[in-house]
Protein backbone atom coordinates (compact mmCIF):
# COMPACT_ATOMS: atom_id res chain seq x y z
CA MET A 1 0.00 0.00 0.00
CA ILE A 2 1.26 3.47 -0.92
CA ILE A 3 0.00 6.39 1.17
CA ASN A 4 0.85 10.00 0.33
CA ASP A 5 2.18 12.07 3.23
CA VAL A 6 -0.65 14.60 3.22
CA PRO A 7 -0.98 17.14 6.05
CA PHE A 8 -4.08 16.42 8.10
CA ILE A 9 -6.55 19.20 8.87
CA SER A 10 -9.46 18.63 11.23
CA ASN A 11 -12.98 19.96 10.88
CA THR A 12 -13.88 22.90 13.11
CA PRO A 13 -15.45 22.19 16.52
CA ASP A 14 -18.91 23.11 15.21
CA ASP A 15 -18.56 20.39 12.54
CA THR A 16 -19.33 22.74 9.61
CA HIS A 17 -16.05 22.96 7.67
CA CYS A 18 -15.21 19.47 6.39
CA LEU A 19 -14.90 20.73 2.80
CA GLN A 20 -12.62 23.58 3.87
CA ALA A 21 -10.49 21.16 5.88
CA ALA A 22 -10.22 18.77 2.93
CA TYR A 23 -9.19 21.51 0.53
CA MET A 24 -6.72 22.91 3.06
CA SER A 25 -5.05 19.50 3.38
CA ILE A 26 -4.61 19.45 -0.40
CA ALA A 27 -3.23 23.00 -0.53
CA LYS A 28 -0.76 22.34 2.28
CA TYR A 29 0.41 19.11 0.65
CA PHE A 30 1.42 20.84 -2.55
CA ASP A 31 2.52 24.12 -0.96
CA PRO A 32 3.96 23.84 2.57
CA LYS A 33 3.99 27.67 2.75
CA PHE A 34 0.21 27.81 2.46
CA ASP A 35 -0.81 29.70 5.59
CA PHE A 36 -4.41 30.89 5.35
CA SER A 37 -6.34 30.81 8.59
CA MET A 38 -9.46 28.66 8.58
CA ASP A 39 -11.61 31.80 8.81
CA ASP A 40 -9.99 33.36 5.73
CA TRP A 41 -10.00 30.04 3.88
CA ALA A 42 -13.69 29.52 4.64
CA ILE A 43 -14.50 32.84 2.96
CA LEU A 44 -12.36 32.00 -0.08
CA THR A 45 -14.02 28.60 -0.46
CA GLY A 46 -17.57 29.89 -0.24
CA TYR A 47 -18.69 29.17 3.33
CA GLU A 48 -21.75 31.16 4.40
CA GLU A 49 -23.38 30.47 7.73
CA GLY A 50 -26.70 28.70 7.35
CA LEU A 51 -26.10 27.75 3.72
CA GLY A 52 -24.66 24.66 2.08
CA THR A 53 -21.05 24.93 0.89
CA TRP A 54 -20.63 23.81 -2.70
CA ALA A 55 -17.24 22.81 -4.10
CA ASN A 56 -17.29 25.49 -6.79
CA ALA A 57 -15.62 28.38 -4.94
CA GLY A 58 -12.74 26.15 -3.81
CA LEU A 59 -12.24 24.82 -7.31
CA VAL A 60 -12.20 28.37 -8.70
CA TRP A 61 -9.49 29.25 -6.16
CA PHE A 62 -7.34 26.27 -7.16
CA THR A 63 -7.68 27.00 -10.89
CA GLU A 64 -6.64 30.62 -10.30
CA ASN A 65 -3.62 29.75 -8.17
CA GLY A 66 -1.48 27.46 -10.28
CA TYR A 67 -3.29 24.15 -9.87
CA GLU A 68 -4.54 21.71 -12.46
CA VAL A 69 -8.07 20.62 -11.61
CA LYS A 70 -10.38 17.98 -13.01
CA HIS A 71 -13.93 17.80 -11.75
CA TYR A 72 -16.32 14.92 -12.53
CA GLU A 73 -19.98 14.70 -11.56
CA THR A 74 -23.37 13.90 -13.06
CA PHE A 75 -24.89 17.19 -11.84
CA ASP A 76 -25.29 19.26 -15.00
CA PHE A 77 -23.99 22.81 -14.47
CA LYS A 78 -25.57 24.06 -17.69
CA GLU A 79 -29.02 22.84 -16.71
CA PHE A 80 -28.67 24.35 -13.24
CA ILE A 81 -27.64 27.70 -14.72
CA LYS A 82 -30.71 27.71 -16.98
CA SER A 83 -33.28 26.73 -14.32
CA PRO A 84 -31.71 26.29 -10.87
CA LYS A 85 -34.78 25.57 -8.75
CA GLU A 86 -36.51 23.40 -11.33
CA TYR A 87 -33.33 21.40 -11.97
CA MET A 88 -32.70 20.78 -8.26
CA ILE A 89 -36.27 19.53 -7.83
CA GLN A 90 -35.90 17.37 -10.94
CA ILE A 91 -32.85 15.53 -9.66
CA HIS A 92 -33.48 15.56 -5.89
CA GLY A 93 -37.27 15.53 -5.61
CA ILE A 94 -39.57 18.27 -4.34
CA GLU A 95 -38.63 18.31 -0.64
CA ALA A 96 -34.86 17.91 -0.98
CA GLY A 97 -34.75 20.07 -4.10
CA ASN A 98 -36.57 22.96 -2.44
CA TRP A 99 -34.41 22.62 0.68
CA GLY A 100 -31.22 22.65 -1.38
CA TYR A 101 -32.36 25.64 -3.40
CA GLU A 102 -33.32 27.62 -0.31
CA HIS A 103 -29.96 26.82 1.36
CA THR A 104 -27.86 27.85 -1.63
CA ASN A 105 -26.55 31.25 -2.66
CA VAL A 106 -27.77 30.63 -6.18
CA PRO A 107 -26.38 33.76 -7.94
CA LYS A 108 -22.88 33.11 -6.57
CA GLU A 109 -22.95 29.42 -7.47
CA ILE A 110 -24.10 30.21 -11.00
CA GLN A 111 -21.22 32.66 -11.43
CA ARG A 112 -18.72 30.11 -10.11
CA MET A 113 -20.12 27.40 -12.39
CA LYS A 114 -19.70 29.70 -15.37
CA GLU A 115 -16.06 30.28 -14.39
CA LEU A 116 -15.41 26.55 -14.05
CA LEU A 117 -17.08 25.78 -17.38
CA ALA A 118 -15.01 28.50 -19.04
CA ALA A 119 -11.86 26.95 -17.51
CA ASP A 120 -12.88 23.62 -19.11
CA ILE A 121 -12.28 21.54 -16.00
CA VAL A 122 -15.78 20.05 -15.64
CA GLU A 123 -16.74 16.71 -17.17
CA ASN A 124 -20.39 15.70 -16.81
CA LYS A 125 -19.95 12.00 -16.06
CA GLU A 126 -20.16 9.55 -13.17
CA PRO A 127 -16.64 9.15 -11.77
CA SER A 128 -15.25 5.69 -11.04
CA ILE A 129 -12.86 4.11 -8.58
CA GLU A 130 -10.40 3.84 -11.47
CA ASP A 131 -10.53 7.63 -11.89
CA ILE A 132 -9.47 7.92 -8.25
CA LYS A 133 -6.64 5.41 -8.55
CA ASN A 134 -5.38 6.82 -11.84
CA GLY A 135 -5.46 10.32 -10.38
CA LEU A 136 -3.33 9.27 -7.41
CA ASN A 137 -0.91 7.50 -9.73
CA GLU A 138 -0.58 10.69 -11.79
CA GLY A 139 0.19 12.92 -8.80
CA TYR A 140 -3.26 14.35 -8.11
CA LEU A 141 -5.00 14.33 -4.75
CA PRO A 142 -8.65 13.25 -5.01
CA ARG A 143 -11.42 14.87 -2.99
CA VAL A 144 -14.86 13.26 -2.86
CA THR A 145 -18.14 13.70 -1.02
CA ILE A 146 -19.51 10.62 0.72
CA ASN A 147 -22.33 9.72 3.09
CA ALA A 148 -20.62 9.70 6.48
CA TYR A 149 -23.24 7.37 7.96
CA VAL A 150 -22.56 4.69 5.36
CA LEU A 151 -18.83 5.13 5.89
CA ASP A 152 -19.44 4.21 9.53
CA GLU A 153 -21.84 1.44 8.44
CA GLU A 154 -24.75 3.19 10.14
CA VAL A 155 -28.23 4.19 8.98
CA GLY A 156 -28.85 7.81 7.99
CA TYR A 157 -27.42 10.49 5.78
CA GLU A 158 -24.76 13.18 6.17
CA GLY A 159 -22.84 14.57 3.21
CA HIS A 160 -19.15 14.71 4.08
CA ALA A 161 -15.95 15.73 2.28
CA VAL A 162 -12.78 13.61 2.51
CA VAL A 163 -9.35 13.53 0.83
CA ILE A 164 -8.07 10.23 -0.51
CA THR A 165 -4.41 9.71 0.34
CA GLY A 166 -3.76 6.15 -0.88
CA TYR A 167 -5.16 2.76 -1.82
CA ASP A 168 -4.46 -0.89 -2.45
CA ASP A 169 -6.61 -3.78 -3.68
CA LYS A 170 -8.58 -4.00 -0.44
CA PHE A 171 -8.66 -0.51 1.06
CA ILE A 172 -9.13 3.15 0.26
CA VAL A 173 -7.12 5.37 2.62
CA LEU A 174 -8.51 8.80 3.37
CA HIS A 175 -8.18 11.83 5.59
CA ASP A 176 -11.54 12.14 7.35
CA PRO A 177 -11.79 15.68 8.81
CA GLY A 178 -14.49 14.45 11.16
CA LEU A 179 -15.84 14.85 13.53
CA PRO A 180 -14.27 12.73 14.91
CA ALA A 181 -11.18 13.60 12.89
CA LEU A 182 -9.24 10.57 11.63
CA ALA A 183 -6.06 10.76 9.55
CA ASN A 184 -5.30 8.06 6.94
CA ARG A 185 -8.42 6.11 7.78
CA LYS A 186 -8.47 2.71 6.04
CA ILE A 187 -11.86 1.88 4.57
CA PRO A 188 -12.66 -1.41 2.80
CA VAL A 189 -13.25 -0.71 -0.89
CA ASP A 190 -16.84 -2.01 -0.82
CA VAL A 191 -17.75 0.19 2.16
CA PHE A 192 -16.18 3.22 0.49
CA MET A 193 -18.05 2.55 -2.75
CA ASN A 194 -21.35 2.28 -0.86
CA ALA A 195 -20.66 5.55 0.95
CA TRP A 196 -19.67 7.27 -2.29
CA SER A 197 -22.59 5.86 -4.27
CA ALA A 198 -25.05 6.94 -1.58
CA GLN A 199 -24.07 10.52 -2.42
CA GLU A 200 -24.55 11.97 -5.90
CA LYS A 201 -21.04 11.07 -7.05
CA GLU A 202 -18.52 13.84 -7.54
CA LEU A 203 -14.74 13.78 -7.75
CA ASP A 204 -12.08 16.50 -7.71
CA LEU A 205 -8.56 15.70 -8.89
CA ILE A 206 -6.14 18.46 -7.91
CA ARG A 207 -2.39 18.92 -8.35
CA LEU A 208 -0.04 21.89 -8.38
CA ILE A 209 1.53 22.60 -11.75
CA ARG A 210 3.24 25.91 -11.01
CA LYS A 211 4.01 28.21 -8.08
């Protein structure tokens, strides 16, 4: 098993910054001089109290700061831009779609999606475990969203961001920002796939190409 030596960043005590912690781990891995505070980083990556944090702001930051980014998901940015509320209801159902729409800063996310589409980093497809492994082999760090309850083999749902640091034939190794925070957590491949599949699959592959 090969595991990348990725700095580990924990979620904040209020358990609301797992995505920021995951992206910070990636930034610190490629650039040890990265020194944003969590508060500043949260603003840069789109955190707004009471709203859901989408990946888009963080991906915009990486693309603008010397990183190569690939983003895979089945969520169609172009359809969302055309009809955000209707599209969210279409793919998530009435209750979840309305909740997601009401807990999203829609104008900002549309602008970020347009920037990411213009940067040509978004591929509208369902990512695979091979995409993760190939990305690691090519020097990227993968970031995915999973259902934390399934990861713990429990019943329920909680969307949760993690960074994948390594793998072998039996395990996926990941930094789990928590809470509880667990570095280089070894998850059986089948459990990981269930946790990933329980979430609408998305995958970021990120690597630094210039400083």
